[in-house]
């Protein structure tokens, strides 16, 4: 037997998740702008953050790089370091 409150509870939980994710999204967007990341890299990073958040893992947006797959870490580091060398 299912409770009749399960649907509203699920909706409430979804709203709570979105509210917890919003500040993380804003910080990530500032990070994207600061380092002028390409759109493909932005979408990969965002997808990774959302996946980890949905799985219930903690997402530390203050130090994003160590939590990413190795390939994405290398791409980010290459992009940031190359821009610094060009300056």
N, C-alpha and C. Protein backbone atom coordinates (compact mmCIF):
# COMPACT_ATOMS: atom_id res chain seq x y z
N UNK A 1 0.83 -1.19 0.00
CA UNK A 1 0.00 0.00 0.00
C UNK A 1 0.88 1.25 0.00
N UNK A 2 0.59 2.16 -0.89
CA UNK A 2 1.34 3.40 -0.95
C UNK A 2 0.59 4.50 -0.22
N UNK A 3 1.38 5.37 0.32
CA UNK A 3 0.79 6.51 0.99
C UNK A 3 0.37 7.52 -0.06
N UNK A 4 -0.65 8.25 0.25
CA UNK A 4 -1.11 9.26 -0.70
C UNK A 4 -0.21 10.49 -0.69
N UNK A 5 0.63 10.60 0.32
CA UNK A 5 1.51 11.76 0.41
C UNK A 5 2.86 11.53 -0.29
N UNK A 6 3.06 10.37 -0.89
CA UNK A 6 4.36 10.08 -1.49
C UNK A 6 4.67 11.01 -2.66
N UNK A 7 3.69 11.30 -3.52
CA UNK A 7 3.95 12.19 -4.65
C UNK A 7 4.28 13.61 -4.19
N UNK A 8 3.48 14.20 -3.32
CA UNK A 8 3.86 15.55 -2.86
C UNK A 8 5.21 15.55 -2.15
N UNK A 9 5.51 14.49 -1.40
CA UNK A 9 6.78 14.41 -0.72
C UNK A 9 7.92 14.35 -1.72
N UNK A 10 7.75 13.56 -2.79
CA UNK A 10 8.78 13.48 -3.83
C UNK A 10 8.98 14.82 -4.51
N UNK A 11 7.89 15.54 -4.76
CA UNK A 11 8.00 16.85 -5.37
C UNK A 11 8.73 17.81 -4.44
N UNK A 12 8.42 17.75 -3.17
CA UNK A 12 9.08 18.60 -2.19
C UNK A 12 10.57 18.28 -2.13
N UNK A 13 10.90 17.01 -2.16
CA UNK A 13 12.31 16.61 -2.13
C UNK A 13 13.04 17.09 -3.38
N UNK A 14 12.38 17.04 -4.52
CA UNK A 14 12.99 17.54 -5.77
C UNK A 14 13.24 19.04 -5.68
N UNK A 15 12.29 19.77 -5.12
CA UNK A 15 12.46 21.21 -4.96
C UNK A 15 13.62 21.50 -4.02
N UNK A 16 13.74 20.74 -2.95
CA UNK A 16 14.85 20.91 -2.01
C UNK A 16 16.19 20.65 -2.69
N UNK A 17 16.26 19.61 -3.51
CA UNK A 17 17.50 19.31 -4.23
C UNK A 17 17.89 20.46 -5.15
N UNK A 18 16.89 21.00 -5.87
CA UNK A 18 17.16 22.10 -6.78
C UNK A 18 17.64 23.33 -6.02
N UNK A 19 17.06 23.58 -4.86
CA UNK A 19 17.46 24.73 -4.06
C UNK A 19 18.88 24.56 -3.53
N UNK A 20 19.26 23.33 -3.17
CA UNK A 20 20.63 23.08 -2.70
C UNK A 20 21.62 23.17 -3.85
N UNK A 21 21.18 22.87 -5.06
CA UNK A 21 22.07 22.86 -6.21
C UNK A 21 22.28 24.26 -6.79
N UNK A 22 21.33 25.16 -6.59
CA UNK A 22 21.41 26.49 -7.21
C UNK A 22 22.67 27.26 -6.83
N UNK A 23 23.05 27.37 -5.54
CA UNK A 23 24.29 28.09 -5.22
C UNK A 23 25.53 27.44 -5.84
N UNK A 24 25.53 26.12 -5.92
CA UNK A 24 26.65 25.40 -6.52
C UNK A 24 26.75 25.74 -8.00
N UNK A 25 25.60 25.84 -8.65
CA UNK A 25 25.58 26.22 -10.07
C UNK A 25 26.13 27.63 -10.27
N UNK A 26 25.75 28.55 -9.40
CA UNK A 26 26.22 29.92 -9.53
C UNK A 26 27.73 30.00 -9.35
N UNK A 27 28.27 29.28 -8.40
CA UNK A 27 29.72 29.27 -8.19
C UNK A 27 30.42 28.65 -9.39
N UNK A 28 29.87 27.57 -9.92
CA UNK A 28 30.47 26.93 -11.09
C UNK A 28 30.44 27.88 -12.29
N UNK A 29 29.35 28.61 -12.48
CA UNK A 29 29.26 29.56 -13.59
C UNK A 29 30.32 30.67 -13.46
N UNK A 30 30.54 31.14 -12.25
CA UNK A 30 31.60 32.14 -12.04
C UNK A 30 32.96 31.57 -12.39
N UNK A 31 33.17 30.32 -12.03
CA UNK A 31 34.43 29.63 -12.32
C UNK A 31 34.62 29.49 -13.82
N UNK A 32 33.53 29.14 -14.54
CA UNK A 32 33.59 29.01 -16.00
C UNK A 32 33.99 30.34 -16.63
N UNK A 33 33.39 31.42 -16.14
CA UNK A 33 33.67 32.74 -16.68
C UNK A 33 35.10 33.17 -16.38
N UNK A 34 35.53 32.92 -15.15
CA UNK A 34 36.87 33.34 -14.75
C UNK A 34 37.95 32.71 -15.64
N UNK A 35 37.79 31.44 -15.97
CA UNK A 35 38.80 30.73 -16.75
C UNK A 35 38.45 30.62 -18.23
N UNK A 36 37.35 31.24 -18.64
CA UNK A 36 36.94 31.27 -20.04
C UNK A 36 36.97 29.87 -20.68
N UNK A 37 36.26 28.96 -20.05
CA UNK A 37 36.24 27.57 -20.52
C UNK A 37 35.37 27.43 -21.76
N UNK A 38 35.75 26.55 -22.69
CA UNK A 38 34.93 26.29 -23.88
C UNK A 38 33.60 25.65 -23.48
N UNK A 39 32.61 25.81 -24.33
CA UNK A 39 31.26 25.32 -24.01
C UNK A 39 31.22 23.80 -23.82
N UNK A 40 32.00 23.05 -24.59
CA UNK A 40 32.03 21.59 -24.45
C UNK A 40 32.53 21.21 -23.05
N UNK A 41 33.56 21.89 -22.60
CA UNK A 41 34.12 21.61 -21.29
C UNK A 41 33.12 22.00 -20.19
N UNK A 42 32.42 23.11 -20.39
CA UNK A 42 31.40 23.54 -19.43
C UNK A 42 30.31 22.48 -19.29
N UNK A 43 29.85 21.96 -20.43
CA UNK A 43 28.78 20.96 -20.39
C UNK A 43 29.26 19.67 -19.73
N UNK A 44 30.51 19.27 -19.98
CA UNK A 44 31.07 18.08 -19.33
C UNK A 44 31.15 18.27 -17.81
N UNK A 45 31.59 19.45 -17.40
CA UNK A 45 31.72 19.74 -15.97
C UNK A 45 30.35 19.76 -15.32
N UNK A 46 29.40 20.45 -15.95
CA UNK A 46 28.05 20.55 -15.39
C UNK A 46 27.40 19.17 -15.29
N UNK A 47 27.55 18.36 -16.32
CA UNK A 47 26.98 17.01 -16.29
C UNK A 47 27.59 16.19 -15.16
N UNK A 48 28.89 16.33 -14.97
CA UNK A 48 29.57 15.59 -13.90
C UNK A 48 29.09 16.05 -12.53
N UNK A 49 28.93 17.36 -12.35
CA UNK A 49 28.45 17.88 -11.07
C UNK A 49 27.04 17.38 -10.79
N UNK A 50 26.15 17.46 -11.79
CA UNK A 50 24.78 16.99 -11.60
C UNK A 50 24.73 15.50 -11.30
N UNK A 51 25.53 14.71 -12.00
CA UNK A 51 25.55 13.26 -11.77
C UNK A 51 25.96 12.96 -10.33
N UNK A 52 27.02 13.61 -9.88
CA UNK A 52 27.50 13.38 -8.52
C UNK A 52 26.48 13.85 -7.49
N UNK A 53 25.82 14.97 -7.77
CA UNK A 53 24.82 15.49 -6.86
C UNK A 53 23.63 14.54 -6.77
N UNK A 54 23.20 14.01 -7.91
CA UNK A 54 22.07 13.07 -7.93
C UNK A 54 22.40 11.76 -7.21
N UNK A 55 23.66 11.35 -7.27
CA UNK A 55 24.08 10.13 -6.59
C UNK A 55 24.23 10.34 -5.09
N UNK A 56 24.08 11.58 -4.66
CA UNK A 56 24.15 11.87 -3.24
C UNK A 56 25.55 12.18 -2.73
N UNK A 57 26.51 12.29 -3.64
CA UNK A 57 27.87 12.62 -3.24
C UNK A 57 27.95 14.11 -2.92
N UNK A 58 28.87 14.47 -2.05
CA UNK A 58 29.11 15.88 -1.78
C UNK A 58 29.83 16.49 -2.97
N UNK A 59 29.41 17.67 -3.36
CA UNK A 59 30.03 18.38 -4.47
C UNK A 59 30.67 19.63 -3.90
N UNK A 60 31.98 19.65 -3.88
CA UNK A 60 32.71 20.79 -3.36
C UNK A 60 33.10 21.70 -4.52
N UNK A 61 32.30 22.72 -4.75
CA UNK A 61 32.56 23.59 -5.90
C UNK A 61 33.75 24.51 -5.67
N UNK A 62 34.20 24.62 -4.43
CA UNK A 62 35.37 25.44 -4.16
C UNK A 62 36.64 24.79 -4.71
N UNK A 63 36.62 23.46 -4.82
CA UNK A 63 37.77 22.72 -5.33
C UNK A 63 37.25 21.62 -6.25
N UNK A 64 36.85 22.01 -7.44
CA UNK A 64 36.17 21.10 -8.36
C UNK A 64 37.06 20.04 -8.99
N UNK A 65 38.24 20.41 -9.38
CA UNK A 65 39.05 19.56 -10.26
C UNK A 65 39.32 18.16 -9.70
N UNK A 66 39.69 17.98 -8.44
CA UNK A 66 40.01 16.62 -7.97
C UNK A 66 38.85 15.61 -8.06
N UNK A 67 37.63 16.08 -8.13
CA UNK A 67 36.50 15.16 -8.19
C UNK A 67 36.12 14.72 -9.59
N UNK A 68 36.77 15.25 -10.61
CA UNK A 68 36.43 14.92 -11.99
C UNK A 68 37.21 13.72 -12.49
N UNK A 69 36.71 13.10 -13.57
CA UNK A 69 37.49 12.04 -14.21
C UNK A 69 38.84 12.58 -14.70
N UNK A 70 39.82 11.72 -14.80
CA UNK A 70 41.19 12.12 -15.15
C UNK A 70 41.24 12.88 -16.47
N UNK A 71 40.53 12.42 -17.47
CA UNK A 71 40.54 13.08 -18.78
C UNK A 71 40.07 14.52 -18.66
N UNK A 72 38.98 14.72 -17.92
CA UNK A 72 38.44 16.07 -17.75
C UNK A 72 39.38 16.93 -16.91
N UNK A 73 40.00 16.36 -15.91
CA UNK A 73 40.99 17.09 -15.11
C UNK A 73 42.11 17.60 -16.00
N UNK A 74 42.62 16.72 -16.84
CA UNK A 74 43.73 17.10 -17.74
C UNK A 74 43.32 18.19 -18.72
N UNK A 75 42.10 18.08 -19.27
CA UNK A 75 41.61 19.09 -20.21
C UNK A 75 41.51 20.46 -19.53
N UNK A 76 40.99 20.49 -18.31
CA UNK A 76 40.83 21.75 -17.58
C UNK A 76 42.20 22.35 -17.28
N UNK A 77 43.09 21.53 -16.76
CA UNK A 77 44.44 22.02 -16.42
C UNK A 77 45.16 22.55 -17.66
N UNK A 78 45.04 21.82 -18.76
CA UNK A 78 45.68 22.24 -20.01
C UNK A 78 45.13 23.59 -20.46
N UNK A 79 43.82 23.75 -20.40
CA UNK A 79 43.20 25.00 -20.82
C UNK A 79 43.64 26.17 -19.94
N UNK A 80 43.60 25.97 -18.63
CA UNK A 80 43.95 27.05 -17.70
C UNK A 80 45.44 27.39 -17.81
N UNK A 81 46.28 26.39 -17.83
CA UNK A 81 47.73 26.64 -17.89
C UNK A 81 48.15 27.25 -19.22
N UNK A 82 47.55 26.80 -20.30
CA UNK A 82 47.88 27.35 -21.61
C UNK A 82 47.51 28.83 -21.68
N UNK A 83 46.36 29.19 -21.13
CA UNK A 83 45.96 30.59 -21.10
C UNK A 83 46.93 31.42 -20.27
N UNK A 84 47.40 30.88 -19.16
CA UNK A 84 48.36 31.61 -18.32
C UNK A 84 49.69 31.80 -19.05
N UNK A 85 50.12 30.78 -19.78
CA UNK A 85 51.37 30.89 -20.53
C UNK A 85 51.28 31.89 -21.67
N UNK A 86 50.12 32.02 -22.26
CA UNK A 86 49.93 32.95 -23.37
C UNK A 86 50.00 34.40 -22.89
N UNK A 87 49.70 34.63 -21.63
CA UNK A 87 49.68 36.01 -21.10
C UNK A 87 51.03 36.48 -20.87
